Amino acid sequence: MYKAIREVKLDQFSEEQAKIKDLQDFIKDENEIDQEVYKKFPLTKYGRPNEKLRIFGSKSLLEGFRKVNDSKLDLLKIPMSNVRFEGFNEKSQLILRFIEENESIKDLVAEGEYTFTTDFYNHFFKMGSFSKFCLAEEHYDLLSHCTNELLNKHKLQRAQYRLIMDNEKYFIRGLTSTSYNNYDNHIAIYLSFLALHDYAKKEGIYFEVIKANLSDTNLEIFIEQHNQIHVSDVGELYFGAYISNNEVGKKTFSIDLNYRFIDNAGDSFRAISNEKLININHKNSIDNVGVQLNNLRKLNQMKTETLEQIHYTMNNPVVDENTLYEMIYREINRKTKTFKVETRRKACELYDDKHINNTMSIIKVFQEVSKITDDGEERLCLERIYHDILLKLNVRKREKTSAL
């Protein structure tokens, strides 16, 4: 996990709603992809300019995002002939000089950040592991020689370099191919908010922003339906959406169904569907983006299925010990790339010490397991596991019923 150059974490929002016209600022005149998005999804299609988005807290979210999104610069389709190797900085990141006829970026020097250096060597020369070895062993002269030789021999290769200025210095956030479409975080917010606003108008509901993690590269927004659903006098269910995107990695721009359930005893859990509502790859065409956004209509069906799973869970609140192990602890223990050793150890302790047992409701179990970590990525994975468990329990119920 890398510390972001710019980052804002929000968990408290005023209820003030942004207006549709406020999203106009999220379309950049200089970006071709922005203009394509605006042509395909004009603001006028979604309402009047002064109409408020049906998302409480949206104004605070837009204000917070602007704090991390300034001073970015993209160098597009830069050939290797216009790149000069300047050495390595104190963090063993590449320092590159970009030479271009365009006066605005002439002799621009930038230092790598995040995973840029490894990505650079991998992207062009398939030598990410070799570069890591050289830097770890301080073989700077060897790697410098290789870098200069390869730059000279591959002058026609091109890539897109994604920069940001911080403290009067440019840093390279990432490297992408020339076929990579910049469905950046501002575009993800523009499209997501318009799509959710449109859905909310049709359904006669409102959403609210409950949490957001915003950085110069990553985007995570948690939105919840303002109107809860009462579940058979046993609790309340809040549906919502999890919006995520990354501007330099392989991660897609996606919207997932998420939900939170609170029973009458006060026990609660949050879960996220493993089936994405919207999933936009950064190589997708603008027409495919339109197809994906239309998938938001699947939300009602997914909500109905989830409500059915919650009903089943409340009618069969206690699960046996084998099910607990199979569906929760074994899943946590096998995901070694997601869960840290310490997190997996805490999960085993919960199970072995009987802090969690088969006298507890599955809701209580989820609540207790969620306490083993504060890490955002691990929590997301747990929430996906919870949703998967509810699906499996419901399938088993149907199989038993059909066998009778």
Protein backbone atom coordinates (compact mmCIF):
# COMPACT_ATOMS: atom_id res chain seq x y z
CA MET A 1 0.00 0.00 0.00
CA TYR A 2 1.45 3.35 -1.07
CA LYS A 3 0.77 6.69 0.55
CA ALA A 4 -1.03 8.92 -1.93
CA ILE A 5 0.47 12.25 -2.99
CA ARG A 6 -2.93 13.79 -2.33
CA GLU A 7 -5.69 12.12 -0.38
CA VAL A 8 -8.94 13.03 1.32
CA LYS A 9 -10.97 10.63 3.45
CA LEU A 10 -14.53 11.76 4.11
CA ASP A 11 -17.00 10.20 6.53
CA GLN A 12 -19.06 13.22 7.53
CA PHE A 13 -21.18 15.10 5.01
CA SER A 14 -23.63 17.94 5.11
CA GLU A 15 -26.94 17.01 3.52
CA GLU A 16 -26.51 19.75 0.92
CA GLN A 17 -27.11 18.52 -2.61
CA ALA A 18 -25.08 19.56 -5.62
CA LYS A 19 -26.95 20.78 -8.67
CA ILE A 20 -26.84 19.16 -12.07
CA LYS A 21 -24.97 22.18 -13.46
CA ASP A 22 -22.19 21.65 -10.87
CA LEU A 23 -21.10 18.58 -12.84
CA GLN A 24 -20.27 20.78 -15.85
CA ASP A 25 -16.91 21.53 -14.19
CA PHE A 26 -16.11 17.82 -14.41
CA ILE A 27 -15.92 17.96 -18.20
CA LYS A 28 -12.53 19.27 -19.33
CA ASP A 29 -12.44 21.13 -22.63
CA GLU A 30 -8.90 19.97 -23.41
CA ASN A 31 -9.68 16.24 -23.03
CA GLU A 32 -11.04 14.46 -26.08
CA ILE A 33 -12.57 11.64 -24.03
CA ASP A 34 -14.37 14.18 -21.82
CA GLN A 35 -15.99 15.74 -24.87
CA GLU A 36 -17.10 12.32 -26.12
CA VAL A 37 -18.63 11.57 -22.72
CA TYR A 38 -20.44 14.92 -22.66
CA LYS A 39 -21.78 14.43 -26.18
CA LYS A 40 -23.09 10.96 -25.29
CA PHE A 41 -24.36 11.93 -21.82
CA PRO A 42 -25.25 15.66 -21.85
CA LEU A 43 -26.46 17.22 -18.61
CA THR A 44 -29.68 18.34 -20.31
CA LYS A 45 -30.65 14.67 -20.62
CA TYR A 46 -30.91 14.37 -16.83
CA GLY A 47 -32.74 17.52 -15.80
CA ARG A 48 -32.68 21.31 -15.52
CA PRO A 49 -29.35 23.02 -14.70
CA ASN A 50 -30.52 24.13 -11.22
CA GLU A 51 -32.16 20.82 -10.40
CA LYS A 52 -30.62 19.25 -7.30
CA LEU A 53 -29.06 15.82 -7.55
CA ARG A 54 -31.07 13.30 -5.56
CA ILE A 55 -27.92 12.50 -3.58
CA PHE A 56 -27.57 14.09 -0.15
CA GLY A 57 -23.97 15.04 0.62
CA SER A 58 -23.08 15.31 -3.06
CA LYS A 59 -21.97 18.94 -2.72
CA SER A 60 -19.44 18.05 0.02
CA LEU A 61 -18.17 15.16 -2.09
CA LEU A 62 -17.56 17.36 -5.13
CA GLU A 63 -15.77 19.94 -2.98
CA GLY A 64 -13.56 17.26 -1.42
CA PHE A 65 -12.70 15.80 -4.80
CA ARG A 66 -11.53 19.14 -6.18
CA LYS A 67 -8.86 19.24 -3.45
CA VAL A 68 -7.12 16.13 -4.80
CA ASN A 69 -7.69 16.60 -8.52
CA ASP A 70 -5.73 19.79 -9.28
CA SER A 71 -2.38 20.15 -11.06
CA LYS A 72 -2.55 16.95 -13.11
CA LEU A 73 -0.86 16.68 -16.48
CA ASP A 74 -1.03 13.92 -19.08
CA LEU A 75 1.73 13.47 -21.66
CA LEU A 76 0.03 11.59 -24.49
CA LYS A 77 1.61 9.17 -26.98
CA ILE A 78 5.14 10.18 -26.03
CA PRO A 79 7.77 8.30 -28.11
CA MET A 80 10.83 6.93 -26.37
CA SER A 81 12.94 9.27 -28.52
CA ASN A 82 11.52 12.14 -26.45
CA VAL A 83 12.42 10.56 -23.11
CA ARG A 84 15.78 11.01 -21.39
CA PHE A 85 16.99 8.97 -18.43
CA GLU A 86 18.19 11.28 -15.63
CA GLY A 87 18.94 8.74 -12.90
CA PHE A 88 17.20 7.54 -9.74
CA ASN A 89 15.99 9.49 -6.73
CA GLU A 90 16.44 8.63 -3.05
CA LYS A 91 13.42 6.31 -3.20
CA SER A 92 14.93 4.36 -6.12
CA GLN A 93 12.37 5.82 -8.50
CA LEU A 94 13.20 6.75 -12.08
CA ILE A 95 13.86 10.39 -12.94
CA LEU A 96 12.92 11.17 -16.54
CA ARG A 97 13.22 14.24 -18.73
CA PHE A 98 10.56 14.74 -21.41
CA ILE A 99 11.61 16.61 -24.55
CA GLU A 100 8.83 17.91 -26.81
CA GLU A 101 8.31 20.62 -29.38
CA ASN A 102 5.30 21.82 -27.41
CA GLU A 103 6.69 24.65 -25.28
CA SER A 104 4.36 23.85 -22.36
CA ILE A 105 6.19 20.63 -21.58
CA LYS A 106 9.65 21.29 -22.99
CA ASP A 107 12.41 19.91 -20.75
CA LEU A 108 9.92 18.78 -18.16
CA VAL A 109 11.60 16.64 -15.47
CA ALA A 110 9.53 14.26 -13.37
CA GLU A 111 10.18 11.59 -10.73
CA GLY A 112 8.36 8.29 -10.50
CA GLU A 113 5.84 7.56 -7.74
CA TYR A 114 3.88 4.53 -6.58
CA THR A 115 4.75 1.55 -8.82
CA PHE A 116 5.83 3.63 -11.81
CA THR A 117 9.46 2.49 -12.01
CA THR A 118 8.60 -1.22 -12.00
CA ASP A 119 5.71 -0.60 -14.40
CA PHE A 120 7.99 1.33 -16.78
CA TYR A 121 10.56 -1.47 -17.00
CA ASN A 122 7.83 -4.09 -17.31
CA HIS A 123 5.80 -2.21 -19.91
CA PHE A 124 8.63 -1.53 -22.32
CA PHE A 125 11.26 -4.18 -21.62
CA LYS A 126 9.60 -6.99 -19.59
CA MET A 127 12.27 -6.52 -16.93
CA GLY A 128 10.33 -5.44 -13.85
CA SER A 129 11.84 -8.18 -11.68
CA PHE A 130 15.35 -7.43 -12.94
CA SER A 131 14.96 -3.72 -12.18
CA LYS A 132 13.67 -4.52 -8.68
CA PHE A 133 16.70 -6.73 -8.08
CA CYS A 134 19.16 -4.10 -9.31
CA LEU A 135 17.60 -1.38 -7.17
CA ALA A 136 17.41 -3.58 -4.09
CA GLU A 137 21.07 -4.60 -4.48
CA GLU A 138 22.10 -1.03 -5.39
CA HIS A 139 23.38 -2.01 -8.85
CA TYR A 140 22.56 1.47 -10.10
CA ASP A 141 25.35 1.62 -12.70
CA LEU A 142 24.25 -1.64 -14.30
CA LEU A 143 20.59 -0.62 -14.46
CA SER A 144 21.49 2.87 -15.70
CA HIS A 145 23.57 1.39 -18.53
CA CYS A 146 20.76 -1.00 -19.52
CA THR A 147 18.20 1.81 -19.41
CA ASN A 148 20.15 4.13 -21.70
CA GLU A 149 20.89 1.32 -24.17
CA LEU A 150 17.26 0.24 -24.32
CA LEU A 151 15.95 3.78 -24.69
CA ASN A 152 18.20 4.23 -27.71
CA LYS A 153 17.09 0.94 -29.29
CA HIS A 154 13.35 1.43 -28.78
CA LYS A 155 12.86 5.04 -29.85
CA LEU A 156 9.53 4.47 -31.59
CA GLN A 157 7.70 2.90 -28.65
CA ARG A 158 5.05 5.17 -27.17
CA ALA A 159 3.12 5.45 -23.94
CA GLN A 160 1.01 7.85 -21.91
CA TYR A 161 2.59 9.34 -18.78
CA ARG A 162 0.28 10.56 -16.02
CA LEU A 163 1.83 13.36 -13.95
CA ILE A 164 0.89 15.52 -11.01
CA MET A 165 2.61 18.59 -9.57
CA ASP A 166 3.24 18.69 -5.84
CA ASN A 167 5.43 21.25 -4.05
CA GLU A 168 6.62 22.66 -7.39
CA LYS A 169 7.82 19.23 -8.59
CA TYR A 170 6.30 16.87 -11.12
CA PHE A 171 5.75 13.24 -10.20
CA ILE A 172 4.77 10.43 -12.56
CA ARG A 173 1.73 8.72 -11.05
CA GLY A 174 1.59 6.02 -13.66
CA LEU A 175 2.16 4.77 -17.14
CA THR A 176 -0.55 3.53 -19.52
CA SER A 177 -0.68 2.27 -23.09
CA THR A 178 -1.74 4.50 -25.97
CA SER A 179 -5.01 2.51 -26.23
CA TYR A 180 -5.95 3.34 -22.63
CA ASN A 181 -9.05 5.57 -22.43
CA ASN A 182 -8.87 8.11 -19.64
CA TYR A 183 -12.14 7.40 -17.88
CA ASP A 184 -10.66 9.28 -14.95
CA ASN A 185 -12.07 9.86 -11.51
CA HIS A 186 -13.84 13.09 -12.49
CA ILE A 187 -15.56 11.20 -15.32
CA ALA A 188 -16.45 8.35 -12.96
CA ILE A 189 -18.15 10.84 -10.62
CA TYR A 190 -19.89 12.62 -13.52
CA LEU A 191 -21.35 9.41 -14.95
CA SER A 192 -22.13 7.73 -11.61
CA PHE A 193 -23.95 10.69 -10.11
CA LEU A 194 -26.01 11.28 -13.25
CA ALA A 195 -26.93 7.59 -13.51
CA LEU A 196 -27.88 7.33 -9.82
CA HIS A 197 -29.80 10.61 -9.97
CA ASP A 198 -31.74 9.34 -12.98
CA TYR A 199 -32.49 6.04 -11.22
CA ALA A 200 -33.58 7.84 -8.03
CA LYS A 201 -35.97 10.09 -9.97
CA LYS A 202 -37.62 7.09 -11.63
CA GLU A 203 -37.92 5.21 -8.31
CA GLY A 204 -38.98 8.22 -6.24
CA ILE A 205 -36.10 7.82 -3.77
CA TYR A 206 -32.99 9.65 -2.57
CA PHE A 207 -29.43 8.53 -1.94
CA GLU A 208 -26.84 9.90 0.47
CA VAL A 209 -23.04 9.77 0.47
CA ILE A 210 -21.87 8.01 3.62
CA LYS A 211 -18.12 7.62 3.03
CA ALA A 212 -15.49 8.43 0.41
CA ASN A 213 -11.79 7.76 -0.07
CA LEU A 214 -10.42 10.16 -2.68
CA SER A 215 -6.83 10.44 -3.88
CA ASP A 216 -4.96 11.71 -6.91
CA THR A 217 -5.25 8.21 -8.40
CA ASN A 218 -7.90 6.12 -6.60
CA LEU A 219 -11.60 6.71 -6.06
CA GLU A 220 -13.97 4.98 -3.65
CA ILE A 221 -17.45 6.33 -2.87
CA PHE A 222 -20.04 4.60 -0.70
CA ILE A 223 -23.61 5.73 -1.32
CA GLU A 224 -26.67 4.54 0.57
CA GLN A 225 -30.38 4.78 -0.14
CA HIS A 226 -31.89 7.40 2.15
CA ASN A 227 -35.14 5.45 2.47
CA GLN A 228 -34.68 2.21 4.41
CA ILE A 229 -36.72 -0.95 3.84
CA HIS A 230 -38.38 -2.58 6.86
CA VAL A 231 -37.83 -6.35 6.82
CA SER A 232 -40.73 -8.28 8.41
CA ASP A 233 -40.49 -6.36 11.69
CA VAL A 234 -37.04 -7.85 12.35
CA GLY A 235 -34.78 -5.10 11.06
CA GLU A 236 -33.99 -2.45 8.48
CA LEU A 237 -32.21 -2.81 5.15
CA TYR A 238 -30.41 0.06 3.42
CA PHE A 239 -29.46 -0.43 -0.22
CA GLY A 240 -26.72 1.56 -1.90
CA ALA A 241 -23.86 1.64 -4.39
CA TYR A 242 -20.09 1.31 -4.16
CA ILE A 243 -18.31 3.36 -6.84
CA SER A 244 -14.63 2.71 -7.56
CA ASN A 245 -12.02 3.66 -10.14
CA ASN A 246 -8.27 3.93 -10.67
CA GLU A 247 -6.57 6.26 -13.13
CA VAL A 248 -3.34 4.34 -13.73
CA GLY A 249 -3.84 0.66 -12.90
CA LYS A 250 -5.76 -2.29 -14.28
CA LYS A 251 -8.73 -1.63 -12.02
CA THR A 252 -11.96 -0.86 -13.88
CA PHE A 253 -14.47 1.91 -13.28
CA SER A 254 -17.28 0.03 -11.58
CA ILE A 255 -20.47 0.38 -9.58
CA ASP A 256 -21.47 -2.44 -7.23
CA LEU A 257 -24.61 -3.03 -5.21
CA ASN A 258 -23.92 -2.68 -1.50
CA TYR A 259 -26.27 -2.84 1.45
CA ARG A 260 -26.41 -2.59 5.22
CA PHE A 261 -28.73 -4.57 7.48
CA ILE A 262 -29.51 -3.76 11.12
CA ASP A 263 -31.62 -6.17 13.16
CA ASN A 264 -33.81 -5.16 16.09
CA ALA A 265 -31.09 -6.20 18.54
CA GLY A 266 -28.77 -3.60 17.03
CA ASP A 267 -26.46 -6.12 15.34
CA SER A 268 -25.51 -5.14 11.81
CA PHE A 269 -23.34 -5.91 8.82
CA ARG A 270 -22.52 -4.41 5.45
CA ALA A 271 -22.10 -6.47 2.27
CA ILE A 272 -21.20 -5.93 -1.38
CA SER A 273 -22.36 -7.96 -4.35
CA ASN A 274 -19.73 -9.82 -6.36
CA GLU A 275 -21.75 -9.20 -9.51
CA LYS A 276 -20.93 -5.71 -10.75
CA LEU A 277 -23.79 -3.49 -11.84
CA ILE A 278 -21.51 -1.44 -14.07
CA ASN A 279 -18.03 -2.46 -15.16
CA ILE A 280 -16.18 -0.17 -17.57
CA ASN A 281 -12.74 -1.20 -18.73
CA HIS A 282 -10.39 1.62 -19.68
CA LYS A 283 -10.16 0.18 -23.19
CA ASN A 284 -13.95 0.22 -23.69
CA SER A 285 -15.44 2.48 -26.34
CA ILE A 286 -17.85 5.28 -25.44
CA ASP A 287 -20.71 3.21 -26.90
CA ASN A 288 -19.88 0.38 -24.51
CA VAL A 289 -19.98 2.87 -21.64
CA GLY A 290 -23.60 3.59 -22.61
CA VAL A 291 -24.40 -0.13 -22.60
CA GLN A 292 -22.84 -0.51 -19.17
CA LEU A 293 -24.73 2.43 -17.66
CA ASN A 294 -27.98 0.88 -18.85
CA ASN A 295 -27.15 -2.09 -16.62
CA LEU A 296 -28.17 0.04 -13.65
CA ARG A 297 -31.70 -1.11 -14.39
CA LYS A 298 -30.63 -4.51 -13.00
CA LEU A 299 -30.49 -2.88 -9.58
CA ASN A 300 -34.15 -3.58 -8.80
CA GLN A 301 -33.77 -7.27 -9.58
CA MET A 302 -30.63 -7.51 -7.44
CA LYS A 303 -32.38 -5.68 -4.61
CA THR A 304 -35.28 -8.15 -4.76
CA GLU A 305 -32.89 -11.13 -4.67
CA THR A 306 -30.95 -9.62 -1.76
CA LEU A 307 -34.15 -8.95 0.16
CA GLU A 308 -35.07 -12.61 -0.31
CA GLN A 309 -31.68 -13.64 1.07
CA ILE A 310 -32.11 -11.40 4.10
CA HIS A 311 -35.59 -12.87 4.74
CA TYR A 312 -34.11 -16.36 4.65
CA THR A 313 -31.28 -15.34 6.96
CA MET A 314 -33.68 -13.95 9.55
CA ASN A 315 -35.87 -17.07 9.36
CA ASN A 316 -32.78 -19.27 9.77
CA PRO A 317 -30.52 -17.05 11.88
CA VAL A 318 -28.23 -19.73 13.37
CA VAL A 319 -25.77 -21.73 11.27
CA ASP A 320 -23.84 -24.85 12.24
CA GLU A 321 -20.13 -24.82 13.08
CA ASN A 322 -19.06 -26.58 9.87
CA THR A 323 -20.83 -23.93 7.81
CA LEU A 324 -19.13 -21.18 9.79
CA TYR A 325 -15.71 -22.67 9.10
CA GLU A 326 -16.34 -23.52 5.46
CA MET A 327 -17.88 -20.23 4.44
CA ILE A 328 -15.99 -17.70 6.55
CA TYR A 329 -12.74 -18.83 8.13
CA ARG A 330 -11.52 -21.06 5.33
CA GLU A 331 -12.24 -18.28 2.83
CA ILE A 332 -10.27 -15.74 4.88
CA ASN A 333 -7.36 -18.13 5.40
CA ARG A 334 -7.03 -19.05 1.73
CA LYS A 335 -6.97 -15.42 0.49
CA THR A 336 -3.31 -14.87 1.36
CA LYS A 337 -2.89 -12.05 -1.18
CA THR A 338 -5.80 -10.09 0.29
CA PHE A 339 -5.60 -10.66 4.04
CA LYS A 340 -2.47 -9.94 6.02
CA VAL A 341 -1.00 -12.62 8.30
CA GLU A 342 -2.18 -10.71 11.38
CA THR A 343 -5.74 -10.53 10.07
CA ARG A 344 -5.85 -14.25 9.28
CA ARG A 345 -4.47 -14.98 12.75
CA LYS A 346 -7.22 -12.92 14.41
CA ALA A 347 -9.86 -14.76 12.37
CA CYS A 348 -8.51 -18.13 13.52
CA GLU A 349 -8.46 -16.97 17.13
CA LEU A 350 -12.11 -15.94 16.88
CA TYR A 351 -13.01 -19.40 15.66
CA ASP A 352 -10.67 -21.50 17.85
CA ASP A 353 -11.45 -19.63 21.06
CA LYS A 354 -15.19 -19.93 20.44
CA HIS A 355 -15.69 -16.18 20.54
CA ILE A 356 -17.84 -16.97 17.53
CA ASN A 357 -19.95 -20.10 17.73
CA ASN A 358 -23.03 -21.79 16.36
CA THR A 359 -25.33 -20.23 18.94
CA MET A 360 -24.90 -16.83 17.30
CA SER A 361 -27.00 -15.46 14.47
CA ILE A 362 -25.19 -15.07 11.16
CA ILE A 363 -25.74 -11.30 11.52
CA LYS A 364 -23.86 -11.31 14.83
CA VAL A 365 -21.12 -13.46 13.30
CA PHE A 366 -20.60 -10.99 10.45
CA GLN A 367 -20.48 -8.11 12.92
CA GLU A 368 -17.84 -9.82 15.06
CA VAL A 369 -15.68 -10.94 12.12
CA SER A 370 -15.65 -7.38 10.77
CA LYS A 371 -13.73 -6.32 13.89
CA ILE A 372 -10.58 -8.24 12.88
CA THR A 373 -9.40 -5.46 10.55
CA ASP A 374 -9.58 -1.73 9.89
CA ASP A 375 -7.89 -2.03 6.50
CA GLY A 376 -10.15 -0.76 3.73
CA GLU A 377 -9.30 -3.42 1.15
CA GLU A 378 -9.66 -6.23 3.67
CA ARG A 379 -13.02 -4.89 4.84
CA LEU A 380 -14.25 -4.81 1.24
CA CYS A 381 -13.20 -8.40 0.74
CA LEU A 382 -15.01 -9.44 3.94
CA GLU A 383 -18.15 -7.68 2.76
CA ARG A 384 -18.01 -9.57 -0.54
CA ILE A 385 -17.59 -12.83 1.41
CA TYR A 386 -20.70 -12.01 3.47
CA HIS A 387 -22.78 -11.50 0.33
CA ASP A 388 -21.48 -14.74 -1.13
CA ILE A 389 -22.40 -16.59 2.08
CA LEU A 390 -25.97 -15.30 1.92
CA LEU A 391 -26.20 -16.51 -1.68
CA LYS A 392 -24.89 -19.96 -0.77
CA LEU A 393 -27.22 -20.30 2.21
CA ASN A 394 -30.17 -19.41 0.01
CA VAL A 395 -29.12 -21.94 -2.65
CA ARG A 396 -28.85 -24.67 -0.01
CA LYS A 397 -32.31 -23.80 1.25
CA ARG A 398 -33.76 -24.17 -2.25
CA GLU A 399 -31.96 -27.47 -2.80
CA LYS A 400 -33.34 -28.88 0.45
CA THR A 401 -36.84 -27.67 -0.41
CA SER A 402 -36.77 -29.19 -3.90
CA ALA A 403 -35.49 -32.51 -2.50
CA LEU A 404 -38.55 -32.89 -0.25
